[in-house]
Amino acid sequence: MRLHANHVSIEESGGEFFQVSFDSEARNGDDFDLSEPDHPYLLLQRQFEDDDGGVCYIETHDHDTYAGHFGLRLIEVTPTRLAFEIARKENKYVEVTYDLDAKRFDEVQRIVHIIFGVRG
């Protein structure tokens, strides 16, 4: 799966929950809107409150193929691209492009490294 994100956001809570989302369109501002987005997006989450077995939650606009808890392997994170593999036999490559300035990239990269378990 490949997509281009015009909006990148991060969230964290108490050192136990981390999230990064890549969205092709701006959020509508209604956090209670439970309808499925009809535009490309990627959401990655990791929680450390309970033993998660090292898996991450992934969700995209393609719920049938790219949604659930999986082991993930980071391939690359740069100011313009995130690429990773899902630990499964099919539909395992995900790439998202975006454009982040240096300060914003540092913030996003920190959260991405936590989600993927990258040390150092």
N, C-alpha and C. Protein backbone atom coordinates (compact mmCIF):
# COMPACT_ATOMS: atom_id res chain seq x y z
N MET A 1 0.84 -1.18 0.00
CA MET A 1 0.00 0.00 0.00
C MET A 1 0.88 1.24 0.00
N ARG A 2 0.49 2.21 -0.80
CA ARG A 2 1.20 3.49 -0.85
C ARG A 2 0.18 4.62 -0.78
N LEU A 3 0.56 5.69 -0.08
CA LEU A 3 -0.29 6.88 -0.04
C LEU A 3 0.56 8.10 0.22
N HIS A 4 0.00 9.27 -0.11
CA HIS A 4 0.65 10.54 0.21
C HIS A 4 -0.20 11.25 1.25
N ALA A 5 0.46 11.73 2.31
CA ALA A 5 -0.24 12.41 3.40
C ALA A 5 0.06 13.90 3.36
N ASN A 6 -0.98 14.70 3.40
CA ASN A 6 -0.85 16.14 3.50
C ASN A 6 -0.83 16.60 4.95
N HIS A 7 -1.26 15.69 5.86
CA HIS A 7 -1.34 16.02 7.29
C HIS A 7 -0.75 14.87 8.09
N VAL A 8 0.16 15.20 9.00
CA VAL A 8 0.78 14.22 9.88
C VAL A 8 0.56 14.70 11.31
N SER A 9 0.06 13.80 12.16
CA SER A 9 -0.14 14.19 13.56
C SER A 9 0.38 13.09 14.48
N ILE A 10 0.75 13.50 15.69
CA ILE A 10 1.25 12.56 16.69
C ILE A 10 0.48 12.78 17.98
N GLU A 11 0.41 11.71 18.77
CA GLU A 11 -0.20 11.78 20.11
C GLU A 11 0.57 10.86 21.02
N GLU A 12 0.62 11.23 22.29
CA GLU A 12 1.18 10.35 23.30
C GLU A 12 0.49 10.65 24.62
N SER A 13 0.46 9.62 25.46
CA SER A 13 -0.22 9.79 26.74
C SER A 13 0.53 9.02 27.82
N GLY A 14 1.07 9.76 28.77
CA GLY A 14 1.67 9.18 29.96
C GLY A 14 2.77 8.16 29.73
N GLY A 15 3.43 8.20 28.62
CA GLY A 15 4.49 7.25 28.35
C GLY A 15 3.99 5.84 28.10
N GLU A 16 2.66 5.68 27.96
CA GLU A 16 2.07 4.36 27.76
C GLU A 16 1.38 4.19 26.42
N PHE A 17 1.04 5.29 25.75
CA PHE A 17 0.31 5.22 24.50
C PHE A 17 0.94 6.19 23.50
N PHE A 18 1.19 5.70 22.28
CA PHE A 18 1.82 6.51 21.25
C PHE A 18 1.10 6.28 19.93
N GLN A 19 0.89 7.35 19.19
CA GLN A 19 0.17 7.26 17.92
C GLN A 19 0.74 8.25 16.92
N VAL A 20 0.80 7.83 15.67
CA VAL A 20 1.13 8.72 14.57
C VAL A 20 0.11 8.45 13.47
N SER A 21 -0.41 9.52 12.89
CA SER A 21 -1.38 9.35 11.81
C SER A 21 -0.97 10.19 10.61
N PHE A 22 -1.21 9.62 9.45
CA PHE A 22 -0.90 10.25 8.17
C PHE A 22 -2.21 10.31 7.41
N ASP A 23 -2.62 11.51 7.03
CA ASP A 23 -3.93 11.69 6.43
C ASP A 23 -3.82 12.51 5.15
N SER A 24 -4.55 12.07 4.13
CA SER A 24 -4.52 12.80 2.87
C SER A 24 -5.36 14.08 2.93
N GLU A 25 -6.27 14.15 3.89
CA GLU A 25 -7.11 15.33 4.07
C GLU A 25 -7.10 15.75 5.53
N ALA A 26 -7.40 17.02 5.78
CA ALA A 26 -7.46 17.52 7.15
C ALA A 26 -8.64 16.88 7.88
N ARG A 27 -8.43 16.65 9.17
CA ARG A 27 -9.55 16.14 9.99
C ARG A 27 -10.62 17.20 10.07
N ASN A 28 -11.86 16.74 10.22
CA ASN A 28 -12.97 17.68 10.25
C ASN A 28 -13.15 18.35 11.61
N GLY A 29 -12.32 17.97 12.59
CA GLY A 29 -12.41 18.60 13.90
C GLY A 29 -13.41 17.94 14.82
N ASP A 30 -14.18 16.98 14.32
CA ASP A 30 -15.18 16.29 15.14
C ASP A 30 -14.59 14.96 15.59
N ASP A 31 -14.03 14.92 16.79
CA ASP A 31 -13.41 13.70 17.32
C ASP A 31 -14.43 12.59 17.55
N PHE A 32 -15.71 12.92 17.54
CA PHE A 32 -16.74 11.91 17.79
C PHE A 32 -17.36 11.38 16.51
N ASP A 33 -16.84 11.76 15.36
CA ASP A 33 -17.32 11.27 14.09
C ASP A 33 -16.79 9.86 13.87
N LEU A 34 -17.65 8.85 14.01
CA LEU A 34 -17.23 7.47 13.91
C LEU A 34 -17.40 6.90 12.51
N SER A 35 -17.84 7.70 11.57
CA SER A 35 -17.98 7.21 10.21
C SER A 35 -16.60 6.97 9.61
N GLU A 36 -16.53 6.01 8.71
CA GLU A 36 -15.25 5.68 8.09
C GLU A 36 -14.83 6.78 7.13
N PRO A 37 -13.59 7.22 7.21
CA PRO A 37 -13.11 8.21 6.25
C PRO A 37 -13.14 7.63 4.84
N ASP A 38 -13.44 8.46 3.87
CA ASP A 38 -13.49 8.00 2.49
C ASP A 38 -12.26 8.46 1.72
N HIS A 39 -11.21 8.78 2.43
CA HIS A 39 -9.96 9.22 1.82
C HIS A 39 -8.80 8.42 2.42
N PRO A 40 -7.68 8.33 1.72
CA PRO A 40 -6.55 7.56 2.22
C PRO A 40 -5.98 8.10 3.53
N TYR A 41 -5.70 7.18 4.45
CA TYR A 41 -5.04 7.52 5.71
C TYR A 41 -4.33 6.29 6.26
N LEU A 42 -3.41 6.54 7.18
CA LEU A 42 -2.68 5.49 7.89
C LEU A 42 -2.58 5.91 9.34
N LEU A 43 -2.90 4.99 10.23
CA LEU A 43 -2.82 5.22 11.66
C LEU A 43 -1.98 4.10 12.27
N LEU A 44 -0.98 4.46 13.07
CA LEU A 44 -0.15 3.50 13.78
C LEU A 44 -0.20 3.80 15.26
N GLN A 45 -0.41 2.75 16.07
CA GLN A 45 -0.48 2.93 17.52
C GLN A 45 0.32 1.85 18.22
N ARG A 46 0.83 2.21 19.40
CA ARG A 46 1.48 1.24 20.27
C ARG A 46 1.18 1.64 21.69
N GLN A 47 0.84 0.65 22.52
CA GLN A 47 0.59 0.92 23.93
C GLN A 47 1.51 0.05 24.77
N PHE A 48 1.91 0.59 25.91
CA PHE A 48 2.83 -0.12 26.81
C PHE A 48 2.22 -0.35 28.18
N GLU A 49 0.94 -0.05 28.34
CA GLU A 49 0.28 -0.23 29.63
C GLU A 49 0.23 -1.71 29.99
N ASP A 50 -0.11 -2.55 29.03
CA ASP A 50 -0.13 -4.00 29.20
C ASP A 50 0.90 -4.60 28.26
N ASP A 51 1.31 -5.82 28.52
CA ASP A 51 2.25 -6.49 27.61
C ASP A 51 1.55 -6.72 26.29
N ASP A 52 2.03 -6.06 25.26
CA ASP A 52 1.40 -6.15 23.94
C ASP A 52 2.06 -7.19 23.05
N GLY A 53 3.06 -7.89 23.57
CA GLY A 53 3.75 -8.89 22.77
C GLY A 53 4.54 -8.31 21.62
N GLY A 54 4.79 -7.00 21.65
CA GLY A 54 5.57 -6.36 20.61
C GLY A 54 4.80 -6.03 19.36
N VAL A 55 3.47 -6.15 19.39
CA VAL A 55 2.69 -5.82 18.20
C VAL A 55 2.20 -4.38 18.25
N CYS A 56 1.89 -3.86 17.09
CA CYS A 56 1.37 -2.51 16.95
C CYS A 56 -0.01 -2.60 16.29
N TYR A 57 -0.80 -1.57 16.48
CA TYR A 57 -2.09 -1.49 15.81
C TYR A 57 -1.92 -0.63 14.57
N ILE A 58 -2.40 -1.14 13.45
CA ILE A 58 -2.38 -0.40 12.20
C ILE A 58 -3.80 -0.32 11.68
N GLU A 59 -4.14 0.85 11.11
CA GLU A 59 -5.46 1.03 10.51
C GLU A 59 -5.29 1.92 9.30
N THR A 60 -6.01 1.59 8.23
CA THR A 60 -6.02 2.41 7.03
C THR A 60 -7.44 2.49 6.50
N HIS A 61 -7.59 3.24 5.43
CA HIS A 61 -8.88 3.35 4.75
C HIS A 61 -9.29 2.00 4.15
N ASP A 62 -8.34 1.09 3.96
CA ASP A 62 -8.61 -0.26 3.45
C ASP A 62 -8.70 -1.21 4.63
N HIS A 63 -9.84 -1.17 5.34
CA HIS A 63 -10.01 -1.93 6.58
C HIS A 63 -9.91 -3.44 6.36
N ASP A 64 -10.29 -3.92 5.20
CA ASP A 64 -10.27 -5.35 4.95
C ASP A 64 -8.85 -5.90 4.84
N THR A 65 -7.91 -5.08 4.37
CA THR A 65 -6.55 -5.56 4.14
C THR A 65 -5.55 -5.03 5.15
N TYR A 66 -5.72 -3.80 5.61
CA TYR A 66 -4.73 -3.16 6.47
C TYR A 66 -5.35 -2.63 7.75
N ALA A 67 -5.77 -3.54 8.61
CA ALA A 67 -6.27 -3.15 9.92
C ALA A 67 -6.05 -4.31 10.88
N GLY A 68 -5.54 -4.01 12.06
CA GLY A 68 -5.34 -5.03 13.07
C GLY A 68 -4.04 -4.86 13.81
N HIS A 69 -3.74 -5.85 14.65
CA HIS A 69 -2.52 -5.84 15.45
C HIS A 69 -1.49 -6.76 14.79
N PHE A 70 -0.31 -6.20 14.52
CA PHE A 70 0.74 -6.93 13.81
C PHE A 70 2.11 -6.55 14.35
N GLY A 71 3.06 -7.41 14.11
CA GLY A 71 4.45 -7.05 14.28
C GLY A 71 4.84 -6.20 13.08
N LEU A 72 5.59 -5.14 13.30
CA LEU A 72 6.00 -4.25 12.22
C LEU A 72 7.51 -4.12 12.22
N ARG A 73 8.08 -3.96 11.02
CA ARG A 73 9.52 -3.75 10.88
C ARG A 73 9.74 -2.47 10.11
N LEU A 74 10.38 -1.51 10.76
CA LEU A 74 10.68 -0.23 10.14
C LEU A 74 11.76 -0.40 9.08
N ILE A 75 11.50 0.11 7.89
CA ILE A 75 12.49 0.09 6.82
C ILE A 75 13.19 1.45 6.74
N GLU A 76 12.37 2.53 6.74
CA GLU A 76 12.95 3.86 6.60
C GLU A 76 11.99 4.91 7.14
N VAL A 77 12.55 5.92 7.81
CA VAL A 77 11.79 7.10 8.19
C VAL A 77 12.68 8.31 7.90
N THR A 78 12.20 9.19 7.02
CA THR A 78 12.93 10.39 6.62
C THR A 78 11.94 11.56 6.67
N PRO A 79 12.40 12.79 6.43
CA PRO A 79 11.47 13.93 6.40
C PRO A 79 10.43 13.85 5.28
N THR A 80 10.57 12.89 4.35
CA THR A 80 9.61 12.80 3.24
C THR A 80 8.98 11.42 3.07
N ARG A 81 9.40 10.42 3.90
CA ARG A 81 8.93 9.06 3.64
C ARG A 81 9.01 8.18 4.87
N LEU A 82 7.97 7.35 5.05
CA LEU A 82 7.97 6.27 6.03
C LEU A 82 7.68 4.99 5.27
N ALA A 83 8.53 3.99 5.46
CA ALA A 83 8.31 2.70 4.83
C ALA A 83 8.51 1.61 5.88
N PHE A 84 7.61 0.63 5.88
CA PHE A 84 7.72 -0.48 6.83
C PHE A 84 7.06 -1.72 6.26
N GLU A 85 7.35 -2.86 6.92
CA GLU A 85 6.75 -4.12 6.56
C GLU A 85 5.91 -4.64 7.71
N ILE A 86 4.82 -5.29 7.35
CA ILE A 86 3.95 -5.97 8.31
C ILE A 86 4.38 -7.43 8.33
N ALA A 87 4.48 -8.02 9.51
CA ALA A 87 4.91 -9.41 9.64
C ALA A 87 3.76 -10.35 9.26
N ARG A 88 3.65 -10.58 7.95
CA ARG A 88 2.68 -11.52 7.40
C ARG A 88 3.09 -11.85 5.97
N LYS A 89 2.42 -12.80 5.34
CA LYS A 89 2.85 -13.29 4.02
C LYS A 89 2.44 -12.40 2.86
N GLU A 90 1.28 -11.78 2.91
CA GLU A 90 0.79 -10.96 1.80
C GLU A 90 0.48 -9.54 2.27
N ASN A 91 0.43 -8.62 1.29
CA ASN A 91 0.09 -7.23 1.59
C ASN A 91 0.87 -6.71 2.79
N LYS A 92 2.19 -6.85 2.70
CA LYS A 92 3.00 -6.52 3.86
C LYS A 92 3.81 -5.23 3.75
N TYR A 93 3.85 -4.61 2.58
CA TYR A 93 4.65 -3.40 2.42
C TYR A 93 3.76 -2.16 2.48
N VAL A 94 4.16 -1.19 3.30
CA VAL A 94 3.44 0.07 3.42
C VAL A 94 4.43 1.21 3.26
N GLU A 95 4.05 2.18 2.44
CA GLU A 95 4.88 3.37 2.24
C GLU A 95 3.98 4.60 2.22
N VAL A 96 4.36 5.59 2.99
CA VAL A 96 3.63 6.85 3.00
C VAL A 96 4.64 7.97 2.76
N THR A 97 4.27 8.90 1.87
CA THR A 97 5.12 10.06 1.63
C THR A 97 4.43 11.29 2.21
N TYR A 98 5.24 12.29 2.54
CA TYR A 98 4.78 13.53 3.17
C TYR A 98 5.91 14.53 3.07
N ASP A 99 5.73 15.71 3.60
CA ASP A 99 6.79 16.72 3.60
C ASP A 99 6.81 17.40 4.95
N LEU A 100 7.86 17.12 5.76
CA LEU A 100 7.97 17.69 7.10
C LEU A 100 9.23 18.54 7.21
N ASP A 101 9.11 19.68 7.91
CA ASP A 101 10.32 20.46 8.18
C ASP A 101 11.13 19.74 9.27
N ALA A 102 12.34 20.19 9.53
CA ALA A 102 13.26 19.49 10.43
C ALA A 102 12.70 19.35 11.85
N LYS A 103 12.11 20.40 12.38
CA LYS A 103 11.57 20.35 13.75
C LYS A 103 10.42 19.35 13.85
N ARG A 104 9.51 19.44 12.91
CA ARG A 104 8.36 18.53 12.92
C ARG A 104 8.81 17.08 12.69
N PHE A 105 9.78 16.90 11.80
CA PHE A 105 10.28 15.56 11.55
C PHE A 105 10.87 14.95 12.82
N ASP A 106 11.63 15.73 13.60
CA ASP A 106 12.20 15.22 14.85
C ASP A 106 11.11 14.72 15.79
N GLU A 107 10.01 15.46 15.89
CA GLU A 107 8.89 15.07 16.75
C GLU A 107 8.25 13.77 16.26
N VAL A 108 8.00 13.70 14.95
CA VAL A 108 7.37 12.52 14.37
C VAL A 108 8.30 11.32 14.45
N GLN A 109 9.57 11.52 14.13
CA GLN A 109 10.54 10.43 14.17
C GLN A 109 10.64 9.83 15.58
N ARG A 110 10.60 10.66 16.60
CA ARG A 110 10.67 10.16 17.99
C ARG A 110 9.52 9.20 18.27
N ILE A 111 8.31 9.58 17.88
CA ILE A 111 7.14 8.72 18.12
C ILE A 111 7.22 7.46 17.25
N VAL A 112 7.62 7.59 15.99
CA VAL A 112 7.76 6.43 15.11
C VAL A 112 8.77 5.45 15.71
N HIS A 113 9.88 5.94 16.21
CA HIS A 113 10.88 5.06 16.81
C HIS A 113 10.33 4.33 18.03
N ILE A 114 9.54 5.00 18.84
CA ILE A 114 8.92 4.34 20.00
C ILE A 114 7.95 3.26 19.52
N ILE A 115 7.11 3.58 18.57
CA ILE A 115 6.13 2.60 18.08
C ILE A 115 6.82 1.37 17.51
N PHE A 116 7.89 1.56 16.76
CA PHE A 116 8.59 0.44 16.13
C PHE A 116 9.64 -0.20 17.03
N GLY A 117 9.85 0.35 18.23
CA GLY A 117 10.82 -0.22 19.16
C GLY A 117 12.26 0.01 18.77
N VAL A 118 12.53 1.12 18.07
CA VAL A 118 13.89 1.45 17.66
C VAL A 118 14.60 2.10 18.84
N ARG A 119 15.77 1.60 19.15
CA ARG A 119 16.56 2.13 20.25
C ARG A 119 17.70 2.99 19.69
N GLY A 120 18.05 4.03 20.43
CA GLY A 120 19.22 4.84 20.05
C GLY A 120 18.85 5.90 19.18
